[in-house]
Amino acid sequence: QPAAEALVARAAGRAFWELPDEELSVLGEPGTVGAALRGLGELPDQ
């Protein structure tokens, strides 16, 4: 729940496709949307 809230706050109302490339790059970490998504679980385990 806290990570999801931080993710929404970081996006600041922007849709996923409206985010700049840096938000999905390790070069922009930490604190990016991409880093938050990775923290939710990369591999599709159950």
All heavy atoms as atom14 arrays in JSON, in Angstrom:
{
  "sequence": "QPAAEALVARAAGRAFWELPDEELSVLGEPGTVGAALRGLGELPDQ",
  "atom14_mask": [
    [1, 1, 1, 1, 1, 1, 1, 1, 1, 0, 0, 0, 0, 0],
    [1, 1, 1, 1, 1, 1, 1, 0, 0, 0, 0, 0, 0, 0],
    [1, 1, 1, 1, 1, 0, 0, 0, 0, 0, 0, 0, 0, 0],
    [1, 1, 1, 1, 1, 0, 0, 0, 0, 0, 0, 0, 0, 0],
    [1, 1, 1, 1, 1, 1, 1, 1, 1, 0, 0, 0, 0, 0],
    [1, 1, 1, 1, 1, 0, 0, 0, 0, 0, 0, 0, 0, 0],
    [1, 1, 1, 1, 1, 1, 1, 1, 0, 0, 0, 0, 0, 0],
    [1, 1, 1, 1, 1, 1, 1, 0, 0, 0, 0, 0, 0, 0],
    [1, 1, 1, 1, 1, 0, 0, 0, 0, 0, 0, 0, 0, 0],
    [1, 1, 1, 1, 1, 1, 1, 1, 1, 1, 1, 0, 0, 0],
    [1, 1, 1, 1, 1, 0, 0, 0, 0, 0, 0, 0, 0, 0],
    [1, 1, 1, 1, 1, 0, 0, 0, 0, 0, 0, 0, 0, 0],
    [1, 1, 1, 1, 0, 0, 0, 0, 0, 0, 0, 0, 0, 0],
    [1, 1, 1, 1, 1, 1, 1, 1, 1, 1, 1, 0, 0, 0],
    [1, 1, 1, 1, 1, 0, 0, 0, 0, 0, 0, 0, 0, 0],
    [1, 1, 1, 1, 1, 1, 1, 1, 1, 1, 1, 0, 0, 0],
    [1, 1, 1, 1, 1, 1, 1, 1, 1, 1, 1, 1, 1, 1],
    [1, 1, 1, 1, 1, 1, 1, 1, 1, 0, 0, 0, 0, 0],
    [1, 1, 1, 1, 1, 1, 1, 1, 0, 0, 0, 0, 0, 0],
    [1, 1, 1, 1, 1, 1, 1, 0, 0, 0, 0, 0, 0, 0],
    [1, 1, 1, 1, 1, 1, 1, 1, 0, 0, 0, 0, 0, 0],
    [1, 1, 1, 1, 1, 1, 1, 1, 1, 0, 0, 0, 0, 0],
    [1, 1, 1, 1, 1, 1, 1, 1, 1, 0, 0, 0, 0, 0],
    [1, 1, 1, 1, 1, 1, 1, 1, 0, 0, 0, 0, 0, 0],
    [1, 1, 1, 1, 1, 1, 0, 0, 0, 0, 0, 0, 0, 0],
    [1, 1, 1, 1, 1, 1, 1, 0, 0, 0, 0, 0, 0, 0],
    [1, 1, 1, 1, 1, 1, 1, 1, 0, 0, 0, 0, 0, 0],
    [1, 1, 1, 1, 0, 0, 0, 0, 0, 0, 0, 0, 0, 0],
    [1, 1, 1, 1, 1, 1, 1, 1, 1, 0, 0, 0, 0, 0],
    [1, 1, 1, 1, 1, 1, 1, 0, 0, 0, 0, 0, 0, 0],
    [1, 1, 1, 1, 0, 0, 0, 0, 0, 0, 0, 0, 0, 0],
    [1, 1, 1, 1, 1, 1, 1, 0, 0, 0, 0, 0, 0, 0],
    [1, 1, 1, 1, 1, 1, 1, 0, 0, 0, 0, 0, 0, 0],
    [1, 1, 1, 1, 0, 0, 0, 0, 0, 0, 0, 0, 0, 0],
    [1, 1, 1, 1, 1, 0, 0, 0, 0, 0, 0, 0, 0, 0],
    [1, 1, 1, 1, 1, 0, 0, 0, 0, 0, 0, 0, 0, 0],
    [1, 1, 1, 1, 1, 1, 1, 1, 0, 0, 0, 0, 0, 0],
    [1, 1, 1, 1, 1, 1, 1, 1, 1, 1, 1, 0, 0, 0],
    [1, 1, 1, 1, 0, 0, 0, 0, 0, 0, 0, 0, 0, 0],
    [1, 1, 1, 1, 1, 1, 1, 1, 0, 0, 0, 0, 0, 0],
    [1, 1, 1, 1, 0, 0, 0, 0, 0, 0, 0, 0, 0, 0],
    [1, 1, 1, 1, 1, 1, 1, 1, 1, 0, 0, 0, 0, 0],
    [1, 1, 1, 1, 1, 1, 1, 1, 0, 0, 0, 0, 0, 0],
    [1, 1, 1, 1, 1, 1, 1, 0, 0, 0, 0, 0, 0, 0],
    [1, 1, 1, 1, 1, 1, 1, 1, 0, 0, 0, 0, 0, 0],
    [1, 1, 1, 1, 1, 1, 1, 1, 1, 0, 0, 0, 0, 0]
  ],
  "atom14_positions": [
    [[0.82, -1.21, 0.0], [0.0, 0.0, 0.0], [0.85, 1.27, 0.0], [0.63, 2.17, -0.82], [-0.94, -0.01, 1.2], [-1.83, 1.22, 1.33], [-2.99, 1.22, 0.34], [-3.69, 0.22, 0.22], [-3.18, 2.32, -0.35], [0.0, 0.0, 0.0], [0.0, 0.0, 0.0], [0.0, 0.0, 0.0], [0.0, 0.0, 0.0], [0.0, 0.0, 0.0]],
    [[1.87, 1.41, 0.87], [2.69, 2.62, 0.82], [3.42, 2.8, -0.5], [3.52, 3.93, -1.03], [3.68, 2.43, 1.98], [3.01, 1.46, 2.9], [2.25, 0.54, 2.0], [0.0, 0.0, 0.0], [0.0, 0.0, 0.0], [0.0, 0.0, 0.0], [0.0, 0.0, 0.0], [0.0, 0.0, 0.0], [0.0, 0.0, 0.0], [0.0, 0.0, 0.0]],
    [[3.93, 1.7, -1.06], [4.64, 1.78, -2.34], [3.69, 2.2, -3.46], [4.06, 2.98, -4.35], [5.3, 0.45, -2.67], [0.0, 0.0, 0.0], [0.0, 0.0, 0.0], [0.0, 0.0, 0.0], [0.0, 0.0, 0.0], [0.0, 0.0, 0.0], [0.0, 0.0, 0.0], [0.0, 0.0, 0.0], [0.0, 0.0, 0.0], [0.0, 0.0, 0.0]],
    [[2.46, 1.69, -3.43], [1.48, 2.06, -4.45], [1.13, 3.55, -4.35], [1.0, 4.24, -5.38], [0.22, 1.21, -4.3], [0.0, 0.0, 0.0], [0.0, 0.0, 0.0], [0.0, 0.0, 0.0], [0.0, 0.0, 0.0], [0.0, 0.0, 0.0], [0.0, 0.0, 0.0], [0.0, 0.0, 0.0], [0.0, 0.0, 0.0], [0.0, 0.0, 0.0]],
    [[1.0, 4.05, -3.15], [0.71, 5.47, -2.97], [1.87, 6.33, -3.44], [1.66, 7.39, -4.06], [0.41, 5.74, -1.5], [-0.89, 5.08, -1.02], [-1.1, 5.23, 0.48], [-0.18, 5.77, 1.16], [-2.17, 4.83, 0.97], [0.0, 0.0, 0.0], [0.0, 0.0, 0.0], [0.0, 0.0, 0.0], [0.0, 0.0, 0.0], [0.0, 0.0, 0.0]],
    [[3.1, 5.89, -3.18], [4.27, 6.63, -3.65], [4.36, 6.62, -5.17], [4.75, 7.62, -5.79], [5.53, 6.03, -3.03], [0.0, 0.0, 0.0], [0.0, 0.0, 0.0], [0.0, 0.0, 0.0], [0.0, 0.0, 0.0], [0.0, 0.0, 0.0], [0.0, 0.0, 0.0], [0.0, 0.0, 0.0], [0.0, 0.0, 0.0], [0.0, 0.0, 0.0]],
    [[4.0, 5.5, -5.77], [3.99, 5.39, -7.23], [3.02, 6.39, -7.85], [3.37, 7.1, -8.8], [3.61, 3.96, -7.61], [3.33, 3.66, -9.08], [4.57, 3.88, -9.92], [2.83, 2.23, -9.24], [0.0, 0.0, 0.0], [0.0, 0.0, 0.0], [0.0, 0.0, 0.0], [0.0, 0.0, 0.0], [0.0, 0.0, 0.0], [0.0, 0.0, 0.0]],
    [[1.82, 6.45, -7.31], [0.82, 7.38, -7.82], [1.29, 8.82, -7.63], [1.14, 9.67, -8.53], [-0.53, 7.14, -7.13], [-1.53, 8.23, -7.52], [-1.08, 5.76, -7.48], [0.0, 0.0, 0.0], [0.0, 0.0, 0.0], [0.0, 0.0, 0.0], [0.0, 0.0, 0.0], [0.0, 0.0, 0.0], [0.0, 0.0, 0.0], [0.0, 0.0, 0.0]],
    [[1.88, 9.11, -6.49], [2.38, 10.46, -6.24], [3.49, 10.84, -7.21], [3.55, 11.97, -7.71], [2.87, 10.58, -4.8], [0.0, 0.0, 0.0], [0.0, 0.0, 0.0], [0.0, 0.0, 0.0], [0.0, 0.0, 0.0], [0.0, 0.0, 0.0], [0.0, 0.0, 0.0], [0.0, 0.0, 0.0], [0.0, 0.0, 0.0], [0.0, 0.0, 0.0]],
    [[4.38, 9.9, -7.49], [5.48, 10.16, -8.41], [4.96, 10.45, -9.83], [5.49, 11.33, -10.52], [6.42, 8.94, -8.45], [7.56, 9.05, -9.45], [8.64, 9.98, -8.98], [9.73, 10.09, -9.94], [10.93, 10.56, -9.66], [11.22, 10.95, -8.44], [11.87, 10.64, -10.6], [0.0, 0.0, 0.0], [0.0, 0.0, 0.0], [0.0, 0.0, 0.0]],
    [[3.93, 9.73, -10.24], [3.39, 9.96, -11.58], [2.73, 11.32, -11.69], [2.64, 11.9, -12.79], [2.39, 8.87, -11.92], [0.0, 0.0, 0.0], [0.0, 0.0, 0.0], [0.0, 0.0, 0.0], [0.0, 0.0, 0.0], [0.0, 0.0, 0.0], [0.0, 0.0, 0.0], [0.0, 0.0, 0.0], [0.0, 0.0, 0.0], [0.0, 0.0, 0.0]],
    [[2.24, 11.85, -10.6], [1.67, 13.21, -10.56], [0.59, 13.43, -11.6], [0.57, 14.45, -12.31], [2.8, 14.23, -10.73], [0.0, 0.0, 0.0], [0.0, 0.0, 0.0], [0.0, 0.0, 0.0], [0.0, 0.0, 0.0], [0.0, 0.0, 0.0], [0.0, 0.0, 0.0], [0.0, 0.0, 0.0], [0.0, 0.0, 0.0], [0.0, 0.0, 0.0]],
    [[-0.31, 12.45, -11.72], [-1.44, 12.6, -12.62], [-1.17, 12.22, -14.06], [-2.07, 12.23, -14.9], [0.0, 0.0, 0.0], [0.0, 0.0, 0.0], [0.0, 0.0, 0.0], [0.0, 0.0, 0.0], [0.0, 0.0, 0.0], [0.0, 0.0, 0.0], [0.0, 0.0, 0.0], [0.0, 0.0, 0.0], [0.0, 0.0, 0.0], [0.0, 0.0, 0.0]],
    [[0.07, 11.88, -14.38], [0.41, 11.49, -15.75], [0.08, 10.03, -16.0], [0.27, 9.18, -15.12], [1.89, 11.74, -16.03], [2.31, 13.19, -16.0], [3.81, 13.35, -16.02], [4.42, 12.81, -14.8], [5.72, 12.84, -14.54], [6.56, 13.39, -15.42], [6.19, 12.34, -13.41], [0.0, 0.0, 0.0], [0.0, 0.0, 0.0], [0.0, 0.0, 0.0]],
    [[-0.39, 9.73, -17.18], [-0.58, 8.33, -17.57], [0.78, 7.7, -17.83], [1.78, 8.39, -18.06], [-1.45, 8.25, -18.82], [0.0, 0.0, 0.0], [0.0, 0.0, 0.0], [0.0, 0.0, 0.0], [0.0, 0.0, 0.0], [0.0, 0.0, 0.0], [0.0, 0.0, 0.0], [0.0, 0.0, 0.0], [0.0, 0.0, 0.0], [0.0, 0.0, 0.0]],
    [[0.82, 6.38, -17.83], [2.07, 5.65, -18.01], [2.78, 6.05, -19.3], [3.99, 6.27, -19.31], [1.77, 4.14, -18.02], [2.97, 3.27, -18.17], [3.85, 3.08, -17.12], [3.22, 2.62, -19.38], [4.97, 2.26, -17.27], [4.33, 1.81, -19.53], [5.21, 1.63, -18.47], [0.0, 0.0, 0.0], [0.0, 0.0, 0.0], [0.0, 0.0, 0.0]],
    [[2.02, 6.17, -20.39], [2.62, 6.5, -21.67], [3.03, 7.96, -21.77], [3.71, 8.36, -22.71], [1.67, 6.12, -22.81], [0.31, 6.73, -22.7], [-0.11, 7.92, -23.19], [-0.82, 6.16, -22.01], [-1.43, 8.15, -22.87], [-1.89, 7.07, -22.15], [-1.02, 4.98, -21.31], [-3.15, 6.83, -21.6], [-2.27, 4.73, -20.76], [-3.32, 5.64, -20.9]],
    [[2.62, 8.78, -20.82], [3.01, 10.19, -20.81], [4.28, 10.44, -20.01], [4.83, 11.55, -20.04], [1.88, 11.03, -20.22], [0.61, 11.03, -21.05], [-0.57, 11.7, -20.36], [-0.53, 11.81, -19.12], [-1.5, 12.11, -21.07], [0.0, 0.0, 0.0], [0.0, 0.0, 0.0], [0.0, 0.0, 0.0], [0.0, 0.0, 0.0], [0.0, 0.0, 0.0]],
    [[4.75, 9.43, -19.33], [5.96, 9.58, -18.51], [7.19, 9.72, -19.4], [7.29, 9.08, -20.45], [6.13, 8.37, -17.59], [5.03, 8.13, -16.55], [5.23, 6.78, -15.88], [5.02, 9.25, -15.52], [0.0, 0.0, 0.0], [0.0, 0.0, 0.0], [0.0, 0.0, 0.0], [0.0, 0.0, 0.0], [0.0, 0.0, 0.0], [0.0, 0.0, 0.0]],
    [[8.17, 10.52, -18.99], [9.42, 10.6, -19.75], [10.19, 9.29, -19.65], [10.01, 8.51, -18.71], [10.17, 11.75, -19.09], [9.62, 11.82, -17.71], [8.17, 11.42, -17.8], [0.0, 0.0, 0.0], [0.0, 0.0, 0.0], [0.0, 0.0, 0.0], [0.0, 0.0, 0.0], [0.0, 0.0, 0.0], [0.0, 0.0, 0.0], [0.0, 0.0, 0.0]],
    [[11.06, 9.05, -20.62], [11.83, 7.81, -20.66], [12.64, 7.59, -19.38], [12.85, 6.45, -18.95], [12.77, 7.81, -21.86], [12.02, 7.8, -23.19], [10.82, 7.46, -23.19], [12.64, 8.14, -24.22], [0.0, 0.0, 0.0], [0.0, 0.0, 0.0], [0.0, 0.0, 0.0], [0.0, 0.0, 0.0], [0.0, 0.0, 0.0], [0.0, 0.0, 0.0]],
    [[13.09, 8.67, -18.75], [13.93, 8.56, -17.56], [13.2, 7.85, -16.41], [13.84, 7.24, -15.55], [14.38, 9.94, -17.09], [15.36, 10.64, -18.02], [14.7, 11.19, -19.27], [13.44, 11.28, -19.3], [15.42, 11.54, -20.23], [0.0, 0.0, 0.0], [0.0, 0.0, 0.0], [0.0, 0.0, 0.0], [0.0, 0.0, 0.0], [0.0, 0.0, 0.0]],
    [[11.87, 7.9, -16.43], [11.11, 7.23, -15.36], [11.15, 5.72, -15.48], [10.81, 5.01, -14.54], [9.66, 7.72, -15.37], [9.46, 9.12, -14.83], [9.76, 9.22, -13.33], [9.47, 8.25, -12.59], [10.26, 10.28, -12.9], [0.0, 0.0, 0.0], [0.0, 0.0, 0.0], [0.0, 0.0, 0.0], [0.0, 0.0, 0.0], [0.0, 0.0, 0.0]],
    [[11.56, 5.21, -16.63], [11.65, 3.76, -16.82], [13.09, 3.32, -17.07], [13.34, 2.27, -17.66], [10.77, 3.33, -18.0], [9.25, 3.22, -17.78], [8.93, 2.25, -16.65], [8.59, 4.56, -17.57], [0.0, 0.0, 0.0], [0.0, 0.0, 0.0], [0.0, 0.0, 0.0], [0.0, 0.0, 0.0], [0.0, 0.0, 0.0], [0.0, 0.0, 0.0]],
    [[14.04, 4.13, -16.59], [15.46, 3.82, -16.77], [16.15, 3.76, -15.42], [15.84, 4.54, -14.51], [16.13, 4.9, -17.63], [17.53, 4.76, -17.64], [0.0, 0.0, 0.0], [0.0, 0.0, 0.0], [0.0, 0.0, 0.0], [0.0, 0.0, 0.0], [0.0, 0.0, 0.0], [0.0, 0.0, 0.0], [0.0, 0.0, 0.0], [0.0, 0.0, 0.0]],
    [[17.11, 2.83, -15.3], [17.87, 2.74, -14.05], [18.73, 3.97, -13.84], [19.15, 4.26, -12.71], [18.75, 1.47, -14.04], [17.9, 0.21, -14.06], [19.75, 1.47, -15.2], [0.0, 0.0, 0.0], [0.0, 0.0, 0.0], [0.0, 0.0, 0.0], [0.0, 0.0, 0.0], [0.0, 0.0, 0.0], [0.0, 0.0, 0.0], [0.0, 0.0, 0.0]],
    [[18.98, 4.72, -14.92], [19.81, 5.91, -14.8], [19.11, 7.01, -14.0], [19.76, 7.92, -13.49], [20.2, 6.43, -16.19], [21.01, 5.46, -17.06], [21.27, 6.09, -18.42], [22.31, 5.09, -16.37], [0.0, 0.0, 0.0], [0.0, 0.0, 0.0], [0.0, 0.0, 0.0], [0.0, 0.0, 0.0], [0.0, 0.0, 0.0], [0.0, 0.0, 0.0]],
    [[17.78, 6.94, -13.94], [17.04, 7.94, -13.19], [16.74, 7.56, -11.76], [16.15, 8.35, -11.02], [0.0, 0.0, 0.0], [0.0, 0.0, 0.0], [0.0, 0.0, 0.0], [0.0, 0.0, 0.0], [0.0, 0.0, 0.0], [0.0, 0.0, 0.0], [0.0, 0.0, 0.0], [0.0, 0.0, 0.0], [0.0, 0.0, 0.0], [0.0, 0.0, 0.0]],
    [[17.1, 6.35, -11.37], [16.79, 5.88, -10.02], [17.73, 6.5, -9.0], [18.81, 6.96, -9.35], [16.89, 4.35, -10.01], [15.86, 3.67, -10.9], [15.95, 2.15, -10.85], [16.68, 1.61, -9.97], [15.3, 1.5, -11.67], [0.0, 0.0, 0.0], [0.0, 0.0, 0.0], [0.0, 0.0, 0.0], [0.0, 0.0, 0.0], [0.0, 0.0, 0.0]],
    [[17.28, 6.49, -7.74], [16.07, 5.87, -7.18], [14.87, 6.78, -7.26], [14.96, 7.93, -7.69], [16.48, 5.63, -5.72], [17.39, 6.79, -5.42], [18.16, 7.04, -6.69], [0.0, 0.0, 0.0], [0.0, 0.0, 0.0], [0.0, 0.0, 0.0], [0.0, 0.0, 0.0], [0.0, 0.0, 0.0], [0.0, 0.0, 0.0], [0.0, 0.0, 0.0]],
    [[13.73, 6.23, -6.84], [12.51, 7.02, -6.74], [11.67, 7.1, -7.99], [10.65, 7.79, -8.0], [0.0, 0.0, 0.0], [0.0, 0.0, 0.0], [0.0, 0.0, 0.0], [0.0, 0.0, 0.0], [0.0, 0.0, 0.0], [0.0, 0.0, 0.0], [0.0, 0.0, 0.0], [0.0, 0.0, 0.0], [0.0, 0.0, 0.0], [0.0, 0.0, 0.0]],
    [[12.07, 6.43, -9.07], [11.32, 6.53, -10.32], [10.1, 5.6, -10.31], [9.99, 4.69, -9.48], [12.2, 6.14, -11.51], [12.61, 4.77, -11.36], [13.42, 7.03, -11.61], [0.0, 0.0, 0.0], [0.0, 0.0, 0.0], [0.0, 0.0, 0.0], [0.0, 0.0, 0.0], [0.0, 0.0, 0.0], [0.0, 0.0, 0.0], [0.0, 0.0, 0.0]],
    [[9.21, 5.84, -11.28], [8.07, 4.95, -11.45], [8.55, 3.54, -11.8], [8.01, 2.55, -11.3], [7.13, 5.49, -12.55], [6.1, 4.43, -12.96], [6.44, 6.76, -12.08], [0.0, 0.0, 0.0], [0.0, 0.0, 0.0], [0.0, 0.0, 0.0], [0.0, 0.0, 0.0], [0.0, 0.0, 0.0], [0.0, 0.0, 0.0], [0.0, 0.0, 0.0]],
    [[9.56, 3.44, -12.64], [10.08, 2.13, -13.01], [10.6, 1.35, -11.82], [10.37, 0.15, -11.7], [0.0, 0.0, 0.0], [0.0, 0.0, 0.0], [0.0, 0.0, 0.0], [0.0, 0.0, 0.0], [0.0, 0.0, 0.0], [0.0, 0.0, 0.0], [0.0, 0.0, 0.0], [0.0, 0.0, 0.0], [0.0, 0.0, 0.0], [0.0, 0.0, 0.0]],
    [[11.32, 2.03, -10.94], [11.83, 1.35, -9.75], [10.69, 0.88, -8.85], [10.73, -0.21, -8.28], [12.75, 2.29, -8.98], [0.0, 0.0, 0.0], [0.0, 0.0, 0.0], [0.0, 0.0, 0.0], [0.0, 0.0, 0.0], [0.0, 0.0, 0.0], [0.0, 0.0, 0.0], [0.0, 0.0, 0.0], [0.0, 0.0, 0.0], [0.0, 0.0, 0.0]],
    [[9.65, 1.7, -8.74], [8.5, 1.32, -7.92], [7.79, 0.11, -8.5], [7.38, -0.81, -7.79], [7.54, 2.5, -7.79], [0.0, 0.0, 0.0], [0.0, 0.0, 0.0], [0.0, 0.0, 0.0], [0.0, 0.0, 0.0], [0.0, 0.0, 0.0], [0.0, 0.0, 0.0], [0.0, 0.0, 0.0], [0.0, 0.0, 0.0], [0.0, 0.0, 0.0]],
    [[7.63, 0.09, -9.83], [6.97, -1.05, -10.47], [7.79, -2.33, -10.29], [7.24, -3.4, -10.04], [6.76, -0.76, -11.96], [5.74, 0.33, -12.29], [5.78, 0.65, -13.78], [4.34, -0.11, -11.88], [0.0, 0.0, 0.0], [0.0, 0.0, 0.0], [0.0, 0.0, 0.0], [0.0, 0.0, 0.0], [0.0, 0.0, 0.0], [0.0, 0.0, 0.0]],
    [[9.09, -2.2, -10.42], [9.95, -3.37, -10.23], [9.82, -3.9, -8.8], [9.85, -5.11, -8.57], [11.4, -3.01, -10.54], [12.33, -4.23, -10.57], [13.74, -3.84, -11.01], [14.4, -2.97, -10.04], [14.74, -1.7, -10.29], [14.51, -1.16, -11.46], [15.34, -0.97, -9.36], [0.0, 0.0, 0.0], [0.0, 0.0, 0.0], [0.0, 0.0, 0.0]],
    [[9.66, -3.01, -7.86], [9.53, -3.43, -6.47], [8.24, -4.18, -6.18], [8.15, -4.89, -5.18], [0.0, 0.0, 0.0], [0.0, 0.0, 0.0], [0.0, 0.0, 0.0], [0.0, 0.0, 0.0], [0.0, 0.0, 0.0], [0.0, 0.0, 0.0], [0.0, 0.0, 0.0], [0.0, 0.0, 0.0], [0.0, 0.0, 0.0], [0.0, 0.0, 0.0]],
    [[7.24, -4.04, -7.06], [5.99, -4.76, -6.86], [6.1, -6.24, -7.22], [5.24, -7.04, -6.85], [4.87, -4.13, -7.7], [4.51, -2.69, -7.35], [3.48, -2.16, -8.33], [4.01, -2.58, -5.92], [0.0, 0.0, 0.0], [0.0, 0.0, 0.0], [0.0, 0.0, 0.0], [0.0, 0.0, 0.0], [0.0, 0.0, 0.0], [0.0, 0.0, 0.0]],
    [[7.16, -6.59, -7.93], [7.35, -7.99, -8.31], [7.53, -8.12, -9.8], [6.58, -8.02, -10.56], [0.0, 0.0, 0.0], [0.0, 0.0, 0.0], [0.0, 0.0, 0.0], [0.0, 0.0, 0.0], [0.0, 0.0, 0.0], [0.0, 0.0, 0.0], [0.0, 0.0, 0.0], [0.0, 0.0, 0.0], [0.0, 0.0, 0.0], [0.0, 0.0, 0.0]],
    [[8.76, -8.31, -10.23], [9.06, -8.4, -11.66], [8.59, -9.71, -12.26], [7.84, -9.76, -13.23], [10.57, -8.25, -11.86], [11.03, -8.43, -13.32], [10.63, -7.26, -14.18], [11.2, -6.18, -14.04], [9.73, -7.45, -15.01], [0.0, 0.0, 0.0], [0.0, 0.0, 0.0], [0.0, 0.0, 0.0], [0.0, 0.0, 0.0], [0.0, 0.0, 0.0]],
    [[8.99, -10.81, -11.69], [8.62, -12.1, -12.25], [7.16, -12.4, -11.96], [6.67, -12.11, -10.86], [9.5, -13.22, -11.68], [10.96, -13.2, -12.11], [11.76, -14.24, -11.35], [11.09, -13.45, -13.6], [0.0, 0.0, 0.0], [0.0, 0.0, 0.0], [0.0, 0.0, 0.0], [0.0, 0.0, 0.0], [0.0, 0.0, 0.0], [0.0, 0.0, 0.0]],
    [[6.46, -12.98, -12.91], [5.02, -13.23, -12.71], [4.75, -14.48, -11.88], [4.05, -15.39, -12.33], [4.51, -13.39, -14.15], [5.68, -13.96, -14.89], [6.9, -13.31, -14.27], [0.0, 0.0, 0.0], [0.0, 0.0, 0.0], [0.0, 0.0, 0.0], [0.0, 0.0, 0.0], [0.0, 0.0, 0.0], [0.0, 0.0, 0.0], [0.0, 0.0, 0.0]],
    [[5.29, -14.55, -10.68], [4.91, -15.64, -9.79], [3.5, -15.38, -9.3], [2.91, -14.33, -9.55], [5.9, -15.78, -8.63], [6.0, -14.52, -7.78], [5.01, -13.77, -7.69], [7.08, -14.27, -7.22], [0.0, 0.0, 0.0], [0.0, 0.0, 0.0], [0.0, 0.0, 0.0], [0.0, 0.0, 0.0], [0.0, 0.0, 0.0], [0.0, 0.0, 0.0]],
    [[2.93, -16.33, -8.58], [1.51, -16.24, -8.24], [1.19, -14.97, -7.46], [0.29, -14.21, -7.84], [1.09, -17.46, -7.43], [-0.37, -17.4, -6.97], [-0.86, -18.71, -6.44], [-1.13, -19.62, -7.2], [-0.99, -18.82, -5.13], [0.0, 0.0, 0.0], [0.0, 0.0, 0.0], [0.0, 0.0, 0.0], [0.0, 0.0, 0.0], [0.0, 0.0, 0.0]]
  ]
}
